[in-house]
N, C-alpha and C. Protein backbone atom coordinates (compact mmCIF):
# COMPACT_ATOMS: atom_id res chain seq x y z
N MET A 1 0.84 -1.16 0.00
CA MET A 1 0.00 0.00 0.00
C MET A 1 0.89 1.23 0.00
N ALA A 2 0.65 2.14 -0.92
CA ALA A 2 1.41 3.39 -1.02
C ALA A 2 0.64 4.50 -0.34
N THR A 3 1.34 5.59 -0.04
CA THR A 3 0.67 6.75 0.55
C THR A 3 0.97 7.99 -0.27
N HIS A 4 0.00 8.88 -0.32
CA HIS A 4 0.19 10.17 -0.97
C HIS A 4 0.93 11.08 -0.02
N ALA A 5 1.33 12.20 -0.51
CA ALA A 5 2.07 13.16 0.31
C ALA A 5 1.25 13.65 1.49
N ILE A 6 -0.07 13.67 1.34
CA ILE A 6 -0.90 14.15 2.45
C ILE A 6 -1.14 13.07 3.48
N GLY A 7 -0.70 11.86 3.22
CA GLY A 7 -0.77 10.82 4.23
C GLY A 7 -1.97 9.90 4.12
N SER A 8 -2.79 10.02 3.08
CA SER A 8 -3.92 9.10 2.96
C SER A 8 -3.47 7.87 2.19
N PRO A 9 -3.84 6.67 2.65
CA PRO A 9 -3.40 5.45 2.00
C PRO A 9 -4.03 5.30 0.61
N THR A 10 -3.37 4.63 -0.29
CA THR A 10 -3.85 4.39 -1.65
C THR A 10 -3.85 2.91 -1.90
N VAL A 11 -4.89 2.40 -2.51
CA VAL A 11 -4.98 1.00 -2.87
C VAL A 11 -4.96 0.93 -4.39
N SER A 12 -4.08 0.09 -4.95
CA SER A 12 -4.00 -0.05 -6.40
C SER A 12 -5.08 -1.00 -6.87
N ARG A 13 -5.61 -0.72 -8.05
CA ARG A 13 -6.60 -1.58 -8.68
C ARG A 13 -6.04 -2.07 -10.00
N ARG A 14 -6.74 -3.03 -10.59
CA ARG A 14 -6.35 -3.51 -11.91
C ARG A 14 -6.38 -2.36 -12.88
N GLY A 15 -5.51 -2.40 -13.85
CA GLY A 15 -5.45 -1.36 -14.86
C GLY A 15 -4.59 -0.19 -14.42
N GLY A 16 -3.92 -0.31 -13.30
CA GLY A 16 -3.02 0.74 -12.87
C GLY A 16 -3.70 1.91 -12.18
N ARG A 17 -5.02 1.89 -12.02
CA ARG A 17 -5.68 3.00 -11.33
C ARG A 17 -5.58 2.80 -9.83
N SER A 18 -5.49 3.88 -9.12
CA SER A 18 -5.46 3.78 -7.67
C SER A 18 -6.51 4.69 -7.08
N ARG A 19 -6.94 4.36 -5.88
CA ARG A 19 -7.97 5.14 -5.21
C ARG A 19 -7.47 5.51 -3.84
N SER A 20 -7.67 6.73 -3.48
CA SER A 20 -7.22 7.22 -2.20
C SER A 20 -8.31 7.02 -1.15
N PHE A 21 -7.96 6.54 0.02
CA PHE A 21 -8.90 6.36 1.11
C PHE A 21 -8.49 7.22 2.28
N ARG A 22 -9.49 7.81 2.91
CA ARG A 22 -9.24 8.57 4.14
C ARG A 22 -10.03 7.91 5.25
N ALA A 23 -9.59 8.10 6.44
CA ALA A 23 -10.26 7.45 7.58
C ALA A 23 -11.69 7.95 7.75
N ASP A 24 -11.96 9.22 7.41
CA ASP A 24 -13.30 9.76 7.61
C ASP A 24 -14.19 9.61 6.38
N GLU A 25 -13.72 8.92 5.31
CA GLU A 25 -14.52 8.72 4.10
C GLU A 25 -15.57 7.64 4.36
N PRO A 26 -16.82 7.89 3.94
CA PRO A 26 -17.87 6.88 4.18
C PRO A 26 -17.67 5.64 3.32
N SER A 27 -18.17 4.53 3.81
CA SER A 27 -18.04 3.27 3.09
C SER A 27 -18.98 3.27 1.87
N TRP A 28 -18.81 2.28 1.01
CA TRP A 28 -19.67 2.14 -0.16
C TRP A 28 -21.12 2.01 0.26
N PHE A 29 -21.36 1.18 1.27
CA PHE A 29 -22.73 0.98 1.76
C PHE A 29 -23.33 2.29 2.27
N THR A 30 -22.56 3.07 3.00
CA THR A 30 -23.04 4.35 3.53
C THR A 30 -23.36 5.31 2.39
N ARG A 31 -22.53 5.36 1.36
CA ARG A 31 -22.80 6.23 0.21
C ARG A 31 -24.05 5.79 -0.54
N GLN A 32 -24.20 4.46 -0.73
CA GLN A 32 -25.40 3.96 -1.41
C GLN A 32 -26.66 4.23 -0.60
N TRP A 33 -26.59 4.04 0.70
CA TRP A 33 -27.72 4.31 1.57
C TRP A 33 -28.12 5.78 1.48
N ALA A 34 -27.14 6.67 1.46
CA ALA A 34 -27.42 8.10 1.36
C ALA A 34 -28.09 8.44 0.03
N LEU A 35 -27.62 7.83 -1.07
CA LEU A 35 -28.24 8.08 -2.37
C LEU A 35 -29.68 7.60 -2.41
N TRP A 36 -29.92 6.38 -1.94
CA TRP A 36 -31.27 5.84 -1.96
C TRP A 36 -32.19 6.57 -1.00
N SER A 37 -31.69 6.99 0.13
CA SER A 37 -32.56 7.71 1.06
C SER A 37 -32.96 9.06 0.49
N ARG A 38 -32.09 9.70 -0.32
CA ARG A 38 -32.47 10.95 -0.99
C ARG A 38 -33.54 10.70 -2.03
N VAL A 39 -33.44 9.58 -2.74
CA VAL A 39 -34.43 9.25 -3.75
C VAL A 39 -35.77 8.95 -3.10
N LEU A 40 -35.76 8.23 -2.00
CA LEU A 40 -37.00 7.81 -1.36
C LEU A 40 -37.56 8.82 -0.37
N ALA A 41 -36.77 9.78 0.05
CA ALA A 41 -37.21 10.74 1.06
C ALA A 41 -38.46 11.52 0.66
N PRO A 42 -38.61 11.96 -0.59
CA PRO A 42 -39.80 12.73 -0.92
C PRO A 42 -41.09 11.92 -0.92
N LEU A 43 -41.00 10.60 -0.88
CA LEU A 43 -42.20 9.79 -0.89
C LEU A 43 -42.99 10.01 0.38
N ARG A 44 -44.22 10.40 0.21
CA ARG A 44 -45.13 10.57 1.32
C ARG A 44 -46.38 9.80 0.98
N PRO A 45 -47.09 9.33 1.96
CA PRO A 45 -48.34 8.65 1.65
C PRO A 45 -49.26 9.59 0.88
N LEU A 46 -50.01 9.03 -0.06
CA LEU A 46 -50.89 9.88 -0.87
C LEU A 46 -52.04 10.47 -0.07
N ASP A 47 -52.29 9.92 1.12
CA ASP A 47 -53.36 10.49 1.93
C ASP A 47 -52.88 11.66 2.79
N SER A 48 -51.71 12.21 2.45
CA SER A 48 -51.22 13.43 3.10
C SER A 48 -50.78 14.39 2.00
N PRO A 49 -50.70 15.69 2.29
CA PRO A 49 -50.23 16.63 1.27
C PRO A 49 -48.79 16.33 0.88
N ARG A 50 -48.42 16.77 -0.32
CA ARG A 50 -47.06 16.58 -0.78
C ARG A 50 -46.12 17.37 0.13
N GLY A 51 -44.92 16.89 0.33
CA GLY A 51 -43.99 17.48 1.29
C GLY A 51 -43.57 18.89 0.97
N ARG A 52 -43.36 19.19 -0.29
CA ARG A 52 -42.85 20.49 -0.65
C ARG A 52 -44.02 21.47 -0.76
N ALA A 53 -43.94 22.55 -0.04
CA ALA A 53 -44.99 23.57 -0.09
C ALA A 53 -44.35 24.91 -0.35
N GLY A 54 -45.02 25.73 -1.08
CA GLY A 54 -44.50 27.05 -1.38
C GLY A 54 -45.62 27.97 -1.77
N ALA A 55 -45.27 29.19 -2.11
CA ALA A 55 -46.28 30.17 -2.48
C ALA A 55 -46.99 29.78 -3.77
N TRP A 56 -46.34 29.03 -4.64
CA TRP A 56 -46.92 28.66 -5.92
C TRP A 56 -47.14 27.16 -6.04
N ASP A 57 -47.17 26.45 -4.92
CA ASP A 57 -47.45 25.02 -4.87
C ASP A 57 -48.62 24.78 -3.93
N ALA A 58 -49.47 23.83 -4.28
CA ALA A 58 -50.56 23.43 -3.39
C ALA A 58 -50.77 21.93 -3.57
N SER A 59 -51.20 21.26 -2.51
CA SER A 59 -51.37 19.82 -2.53
C SER A 59 -52.44 19.42 -1.53
N TRP A 60 -53.33 18.50 -1.96
CA TRP A 60 -54.41 18.03 -1.08
C TRP A 60 -54.62 16.54 -1.28
N PRO A 61 -54.76 15.79 -0.20
CA PRO A 61 -55.18 14.39 -0.33
C PRO A 61 -56.67 14.36 -0.65
N LEU A 62 -57.08 13.38 -1.43
CA LEU A 62 -58.49 13.22 -1.79
C LEU A 62 -58.96 11.85 -1.33
N PRO A 63 -60.04 11.81 -0.55
CA PRO A 63 -60.57 10.50 -0.14
C PRO A 63 -61.22 9.78 -1.32
N ARG A 64 -61.36 8.49 -1.21
CA ARG A 64 -61.99 7.68 -2.27
C ARG A 64 -63.50 7.77 -2.13
N GLU A 65 -64.03 8.90 -2.45
CA GLU A 65 -65.48 9.14 -2.40
C GLU A 65 -65.88 9.88 -3.66
N LEU A 66 -67.13 9.72 -4.08
CA LEU A 66 -67.61 10.44 -5.25
C LEU A 66 -67.58 11.95 -5.05
N THR A 67 -67.70 12.39 -3.81
CA THR A 67 -67.67 13.83 -3.54
C THR A 67 -66.28 14.43 -3.73
N SER A 68 -65.26 13.58 -3.91
CA SER A 68 -63.90 14.08 -4.13
C SER A 68 -63.77 14.83 -5.45
N VAL A 69 -64.58 14.48 -6.43
CA VAL A 69 -64.53 15.19 -7.72
C VAL A 69 -64.97 16.64 -7.51
N ARG A 70 -66.08 16.83 -6.84
CA ARG A 70 -66.56 18.19 -6.55
C ARG A 70 -65.56 18.93 -5.67
N ARG A 71 -65.02 18.26 -4.68
CA ARG A 71 -64.03 18.90 -3.80
C ARG A 71 -62.79 19.33 -4.58
N ALA A 72 -62.30 18.47 -5.47
CA ALA A 72 -61.12 18.80 -6.27
C ALA A 72 -61.40 20.02 -7.15
N ARG A 73 -62.57 20.08 -7.76
CA ARG A 73 -62.92 21.23 -8.59
C ARG A 73 -62.95 22.51 -7.76
N ARG A 74 -63.53 22.44 -6.60
CA ARG A 74 -63.60 23.63 -5.73
C ARG A 74 -62.21 24.06 -5.25
N LEU A 75 -61.37 23.10 -4.89
CA LEU A 75 -60.01 23.42 -4.45
C LEU A 75 -59.22 24.12 -5.56
N VAL A 76 -59.34 23.61 -6.78
CA VAL A 76 -58.62 24.20 -7.91
C VAL A 76 -59.12 25.62 -8.18
N THR A 77 -60.44 25.79 -8.20
CA THR A 77 -61.00 27.11 -8.47
C THR A 77 -60.57 28.12 -7.41
N ALA A 78 -60.62 27.73 -6.15
CA ALA A 78 -60.22 28.64 -5.07
C ALA A 78 -58.73 28.96 -5.14
N GLN A 79 -57.90 27.96 -5.42
CA GLN A 79 -56.46 28.20 -5.49
C GLN A 79 -56.10 29.11 -6.66
N LEU A 80 -56.71 28.90 -7.80
CA LEU A 80 -56.43 29.75 -8.96
C LEU A 80 -56.91 31.19 -8.73
N ARG A 81 -58.00 31.33 -8.00
CA ARG A 81 -58.46 32.68 -7.63
C ARG A 81 -57.44 33.34 -6.71
N ASP A 82 -56.90 32.59 -5.74
CA ASP A 82 -55.86 33.13 -4.85
C ASP A 82 -54.60 33.51 -5.61
N TRP A 83 -54.27 32.75 -6.64
CA TRP A 83 -53.08 33.04 -7.44
C TRP A 83 -53.36 34.07 -8.53
N ALA A 84 -54.59 34.54 -8.63
CA ALA A 84 -55.00 35.53 -9.63
C ALA A 84 -54.77 35.05 -11.06
N VAL A 85 -55.15 33.81 -11.32
CA VAL A 85 -55.06 33.23 -12.65
C VAL A 85 -56.47 32.81 -13.08
N GLY A 86 -57.36 33.79 -13.11
CA GLY A 86 -58.76 33.51 -13.37
C GLY A 86 -59.05 32.96 -14.75
N ASP A 87 -58.21 33.26 -15.74
CA ASP A 87 -58.49 32.78 -17.08
C ASP A 87 -58.34 31.26 -17.21
N LEU A 88 -57.74 30.61 -16.25
CA LEU A 88 -57.55 29.16 -16.29
C LEU A 88 -58.63 28.38 -15.54
N SER A 89 -59.44 29.05 -14.76
CA SER A 89 -60.36 28.36 -13.85
C SER A 89 -61.29 27.38 -14.53
N ASP A 90 -61.99 27.82 -15.58
CA ASP A 90 -62.98 26.94 -16.21
C ASP A 90 -62.34 25.69 -16.81
N THR A 91 -61.26 25.89 -17.54
CA THR A 91 -60.59 24.75 -18.17
C THR A 91 -59.98 23.83 -17.12
N ALA A 92 -59.30 24.40 -16.14
CA ALA A 92 -58.67 23.59 -15.10
C ALA A 92 -59.72 22.82 -14.31
N GLU A 93 -60.83 23.46 -14.01
CA GLU A 93 -61.89 22.79 -13.25
C GLU A 93 -62.44 21.60 -14.03
N LEU A 94 -62.69 21.77 -15.32
CA LEU A 94 -63.20 20.68 -16.15
C LEU A 94 -62.20 19.53 -16.23
N LEU A 95 -60.93 19.84 -16.51
CA LEU A 95 -59.93 18.79 -16.67
C LEU A 95 -59.62 18.08 -15.36
N VAL A 96 -59.58 18.83 -14.26
CA VAL A 96 -59.37 18.19 -12.95
C VAL A 96 -60.52 17.23 -12.65
N GLY A 97 -61.74 17.65 -12.95
CA GLY A 97 -62.88 16.77 -12.74
C GLY A 97 -62.76 15.48 -13.52
N GLU A 98 -62.31 15.58 -14.77
CA GLU A 98 -62.13 14.38 -15.60
C GLU A 98 -61.05 13.46 -15.05
N VAL A 99 -59.90 14.04 -14.70
CA VAL A 99 -58.78 13.22 -14.24
C VAL A 99 -59.08 12.57 -12.90
N VAL A 100 -59.70 13.31 -11.98
CA VAL A 100 -60.05 12.73 -10.67
C VAL A 100 -61.13 11.66 -10.84
N THR A 101 -62.10 11.90 -11.70
CA THR A 101 -63.14 10.89 -11.96
C THR A 101 -62.51 9.61 -12.49
N ASN A 102 -61.60 9.73 -13.45
CA ASN A 102 -60.92 8.54 -13.99
C ASN A 102 -60.12 7.83 -12.92
N ALA A 103 -59.44 8.58 -12.06
CA ALA A 103 -58.67 7.95 -10.98
C ALA A 103 -59.59 7.20 -10.02
N LEU A 104 -60.73 7.79 -9.70
CA LEU A 104 -61.67 7.11 -8.81
C LEU A 104 -62.28 5.87 -9.48
N ARG A 105 -62.52 5.96 -10.76
CA ARG A 105 -63.17 4.86 -11.47
C ARG A 105 -62.22 3.70 -11.75
N HIS A 106 -60.95 3.99 -12.05
CA HIS A 106 -60.04 2.95 -12.55
C HIS A 106 -58.91 2.57 -11.60
N THR A 107 -58.84 3.14 -10.42
CA THR A 107 -57.76 2.81 -9.49
C THR A 107 -58.32 2.48 -8.12
N ARG A 108 -57.43 1.98 -7.28
CA ARG A 108 -57.76 1.75 -5.87
C ARG A 108 -56.76 2.50 -5.03
N GLY A 109 -57.09 2.77 -3.81
CA GLY A 109 -56.16 3.43 -2.91
C GLY A 109 -56.35 4.93 -2.91
N PRO A 110 -55.51 5.61 -2.14
CA PRO A 110 -55.66 7.06 -1.97
C PRO A 110 -55.23 7.84 -3.22
N LEU A 111 -55.69 9.09 -3.26
CA LEU A 111 -55.37 10.01 -4.36
C LEU A 111 -54.80 11.29 -3.77
N ARG A 112 -54.03 12.00 -4.59
CA ARG A 112 -53.56 13.32 -4.17
C ARG A 112 -53.59 14.25 -5.37
N LEU A 113 -54.07 15.47 -5.14
CA LEU A 113 -54.13 16.51 -6.16
C LEU A 113 -53.05 17.54 -5.87
N ASN A 114 -52.21 17.85 -6.87
CA ASN A 114 -51.13 18.81 -6.73
C ASN A 114 -51.27 19.89 -7.80
N LEU A 115 -51.04 21.13 -7.42
CA LEU A 115 -51.01 22.25 -8.36
C LEU A 115 -49.70 23.00 -8.19
N ARG A 116 -49.16 23.49 -9.31
CA ARG A 116 -47.96 24.32 -9.26
C ARG A 116 -48.06 25.37 -10.36
N LEU A 117 -47.81 26.61 -10.01
CA LEU A 117 -47.80 27.70 -10.98
C LEU A 117 -46.37 28.19 -11.13
N SER A 118 -45.86 28.16 -12.35
CA SER A 118 -44.48 28.56 -12.60
C SER A 118 -44.36 29.08 -14.02
N ASP A 119 -43.78 30.25 -14.16
CA ASP A 119 -43.54 30.84 -15.49
C ASP A 119 -44.80 30.85 -16.35
N SER A 120 -45.89 31.35 -15.80
CA SER A 120 -47.16 31.47 -16.51
C SER A 120 -47.74 30.12 -16.93
N ARG A 121 -47.33 29.04 -16.31
CA ARG A 121 -47.86 27.70 -16.62
C ARG A 121 -48.39 27.06 -15.35
N LEU A 122 -49.57 26.52 -15.47
CA LEU A 122 -50.17 25.77 -14.37
C LEU A 122 -49.95 24.30 -14.63
N LEU A 123 -49.35 23.62 -13.67
CA LEU A 123 -49.18 22.17 -13.73
C LEU A 123 -50.13 21.56 -12.72
N CYS A 124 -50.98 20.68 -13.18
CA CYS A 124 -51.92 19.97 -12.30
C CYS A 124 -51.59 18.49 -12.37
N GLU A 125 -51.48 17.85 -11.21
CA GLU A 125 -51.16 16.43 -11.13
C GLU A 125 -52.17 15.73 -10.23
N VAL A 126 -52.55 14.53 -10.62
CA VAL A 126 -53.35 13.66 -9.77
C VAL A 126 -52.56 12.37 -9.61
N GLU A 127 -52.16 12.08 -8.38
CA GLU A 127 -51.36 10.90 -8.08
C GLU A 127 -52.27 9.79 -7.56
N ASP A 128 -51.99 8.56 -7.97
CA ASP A 128 -52.72 7.42 -7.44
C ASP A 128 -51.75 6.25 -7.27
N THR A 129 -52.27 5.13 -6.80
CA THR A 129 -51.41 3.98 -6.49
C THR A 129 -51.43 2.90 -7.57
N GLU A 130 -52.08 3.14 -8.68
CA GLU A 130 -52.15 2.17 -9.76
C GLU A 130 -51.06 2.46 -10.79
N PRO A 131 -50.19 1.49 -11.10
CA PRO A 131 -49.09 1.77 -12.04
C PRO A 131 -49.53 1.81 -13.51
N ALA A 132 -50.70 1.26 -13.84
CA ALA A 132 -51.14 1.21 -15.24
C ALA A 132 -51.51 2.61 -15.73
N CYS A 133 -50.98 2.95 -16.90
CA CYS A 133 -51.24 4.27 -17.49
C CYS A 133 -52.59 4.27 -18.20
N PRO A 134 -53.17 5.45 -18.41
CA PRO A 134 -54.48 5.51 -19.07
C PRO A 134 -54.39 5.00 -20.51
N ALA A 135 -55.47 4.40 -20.96
CA ALA A 135 -55.52 3.87 -22.32
C ALA A 135 -56.66 4.53 -23.07
N ARG A 136 -56.38 4.91 -24.29
CA ARG A 136 -57.39 5.52 -25.14
C ARG A 136 -58.27 4.40 -25.70
N GLY A 137 -59.57 4.57 -25.56
CA GLY A 137 -60.49 3.57 -26.06
C GLY A 137 -61.40 4.16 -27.13
N VAL A 138 -62.07 3.29 -27.85
CA VAL A 138 -63.04 3.72 -28.84
C VAL A 138 -64.35 3.99 -28.12
N VAL A 139 -64.90 5.19 -28.31
CA VAL A 139 -66.09 5.60 -27.59
C VAL A 139 -67.27 5.67 -28.56
N ASP A 140 -68.34 5.02 -28.18
CA ASP A 140 -69.58 5.08 -28.96
C ASP A 140 -70.17 6.48 -28.86
N THR A 141 -70.81 6.95 -29.89
CA THR A 141 -71.36 8.31 -29.89
C THR A 141 -72.43 8.50 -28.83
N ASP A 142 -73.09 7.43 -28.40
CA ASP A 142 -74.13 7.53 -27.37
C ASP A 142 -73.61 7.27 -25.96
N ALA A 143 -72.34 6.98 -25.83
CA ALA A 143 -71.77 6.66 -24.51
C ALA A 143 -71.77 7.88 -23.60
N GLU A 144 -71.98 7.63 -22.32
CA GLU A 144 -72.00 8.71 -21.33
C GLU A 144 -70.61 9.12 -20.86
N GLY A 145 -69.63 8.29 -21.06
CA GLY A 145 -68.28 8.58 -20.59
C GLY A 145 -67.25 8.13 -21.59
N GLY A 146 -65.97 8.23 -21.18
CA GLY A 146 -64.89 7.74 -22.02
C GLY A 146 -64.24 8.79 -22.89
N ARG A 147 -64.54 10.06 -22.64
CA ARG A 147 -63.98 11.12 -23.47
C ARG A 147 -62.95 11.98 -22.75
N GLY A 148 -62.46 11.52 -21.62
CA GLY A 148 -61.52 12.29 -20.82
C GLY A 148 -60.22 12.57 -21.55
N ILE A 149 -59.66 11.58 -22.23
CA ILE A 149 -58.41 11.76 -22.94
C ILE A 149 -58.60 12.74 -24.11
N GLU A 150 -59.74 12.66 -24.79
CA GLU A 150 -60.00 13.60 -25.88
C GLU A 150 -60.09 15.03 -25.36
N LEU A 151 -60.69 15.21 -24.17
CA LEU A 151 -60.75 16.54 -23.57
C LEU A 151 -59.35 17.05 -23.22
N LEU A 152 -58.51 16.17 -22.68
CA LEU A 152 -57.13 16.57 -22.39
C LEU A 152 -56.40 16.97 -23.68
N ASP A 153 -56.60 16.19 -24.74
CA ASP A 153 -55.98 16.52 -26.03
C ASP A 153 -56.42 17.89 -26.53
N LEU A 154 -57.70 18.20 -26.39
CA LEU A 154 -58.25 19.44 -26.93
C LEU A 154 -57.92 20.67 -26.09
N LEU A 155 -57.95 20.54 -24.76
CA LEU A 155 -57.90 21.72 -23.91
C LEU A 155 -56.56 21.97 -23.23
N ALA A 156 -55.78 20.95 -22.98
CA ALA A 156 -54.51 21.13 -22.27
C ALA A 156 -53.40 21.48 -23.27
N ASP A 157 -52.46 22.31 -22.82
CA ASP A 157 -51.29 22.61 -23.65
C ASP A 157 -50.38 21.39 -23.74
N ALA A 158 -50.32 20.60 -22.68
CA ALA A 158 -49.56 19.35 -22.66
C ALA A 158 -50.18 18.48 -21.58
N TRP A 159 -50.06 17.17 -21.74
CA TRP A 159 -50.52 16.25 -20.70
C TRP A 159 -49.78 14.94 -20.86
N GLY A 160 -49.81 14.15 -19.80
CA GLY A 160 -49.17 12.85 -19.86
C GLY A 160 -49.32 12.11 -18.54
N SER A 161 -48.64 10.99 -18.46
CA SER A 161 -48.63 10.22 -17.22
C SER A 161 -47.21 9.73 -16.98
N ASP A 162 -46.83 9.70 -15.73
CA ASP A 162 -45.51 9.26 -15.32
C ASP A 162 -45.66 8.21 -14.23
N ARG A 163 -44.91 7.13 -14.36
CA ARG A 163 -44.89 6.14 -13.27
C ARG A 163 -44.06 6.69 -12.13
N THR A 164 -44.50 6.40 -10.93
CA THR A 164 -43.79 6.84 -9.73
C THR A 164 -43.51 5.63 -8.86
N ALA A 165 -42.80 5.83 -7.78
CA ALA A 165 -42.51 4.73 -6.85
C ALA A 165 -43.77 4.23 -6.17
N THR A 166 -44.81 5.07 -6.10
CA THR A 166 -46.05 4.67 -5.43
C THR A 166 -47.17 4.34 -6.39
N GLY A 167 -46.98 4.50 -7.69
CA GLY A 167 -48.04 4.24 -8.67
C GLY A 167 -47.80 5.05 -9.93
N LYS A 168 -48.65 6.07 -10.15
CA LYS A 168 -48.47 6.93 -11.30
C LYS A 168 -49.02 8.31 -11.01
N THR A 169 -48.65 9.25 -11.86
CA THR A 169 -49.15 10.62 -11.81
C THR A 169 -49.68 10.96 -13.19
N ILE A 170 -50.93 11.39 -13.26
CA ILE A 170 -51.51 11.93 -14.48
C ILE A 170 -51.40 13.44 -14.34
N TRP A 171 -50.87 14.11 -15.34
CA TRP A 171 -50.64 15.54 -15.25
C TRP A 171 -51.10 16.25 -16.52
N PHE A 172 -51.39 17.53 -16.38
CA PHE A 172 -51.63 18.38 -17.54
C PHE A 172 -51.14 19.78 -17.24
N GLU A 173 -50.83 20.51 -18.30
CA GLU A 173 -50.35 21.88 -18.19
C GLU A 173 -51.27 22.81 -18.95
N LEU A 174 -51.50 23.98 -18.36
CA LEU A 174 -52.25 25.05 -19.01
C LEU A 174 -51.40 26.31 -18.96
N ARG A 175 -51.45 27.09 -19.99
CA ARG A 175 -50.70 28.36 -20.03
C ARG A 175 -51.62 29.51 -19.65
N ALA A 176 -51.17 30.31 -18.71
CA ALA A 176 -51.93 31.49 -18.27
C ALA A 176 -51.64 32.64 -19.21
N THR A 177 -52.68 33.37 -19.60
CA THR A 177 -52.49 34.50 -20.50
C THR A 177 -52.41 35.83 -19.77
N ASP A 178 -52.97 35.91 -18.56
CA ASP A 178 -52.98 37.19 -17.84
C ASP A 178 -52.17 37.14 -16.55
N ARG A 179 -51.05 36.40 -16.58
CA ARG A 179 -50.25 36.24 -15.37
C ARG A 179 -48.83 36.73 -15.60
N TRP A 180 -48.24 37.36 -14.62
CA TRP A 180 -46.88 37.90 -14.72
C TRP A 180 -45.84 37.01 -14.08
N VAL A 181 -46.23 35.88 -13.49
CA VAL A 181 -45.30 34.99 -12.76
C VAL A 181 -44.19 34.52 -13.67
């Protein structure tokens, strides 16, 4: 074992590379644990608000009840009024109602509604515990439902779904026209 001028031991590896070790350097296991704990730290149960809160972030858990759709619409409308983004209220309310209804209809477990306003864009997310992403189906002209994805296509500036460690997040973005953020 060789030592550097500063006194830390060096271990040679194949290929002629060497690595310096110090007594206070964390072990491989400690470094891996720190990395994974950072990745998993933001995970919170969906029946609680999201951990990060700010002036332009809002988060609410939604119970698995039919009244959650109405509650989600009211929460979005009130929050957008507080943020002074009134031009988004009608569209956001309609799309949130669709996404929450689909989550209640096609998933099990708790739900969470998240809103974020940044750079004149509203990001709305509905988190659930089902990993399966939404699927576009053929809808009969007389059908009472099944048009949620078409509404997202028509009204949202962007939308999608992302798998998460707890399930998935369905999200959409709307652009504010009368906001200075």
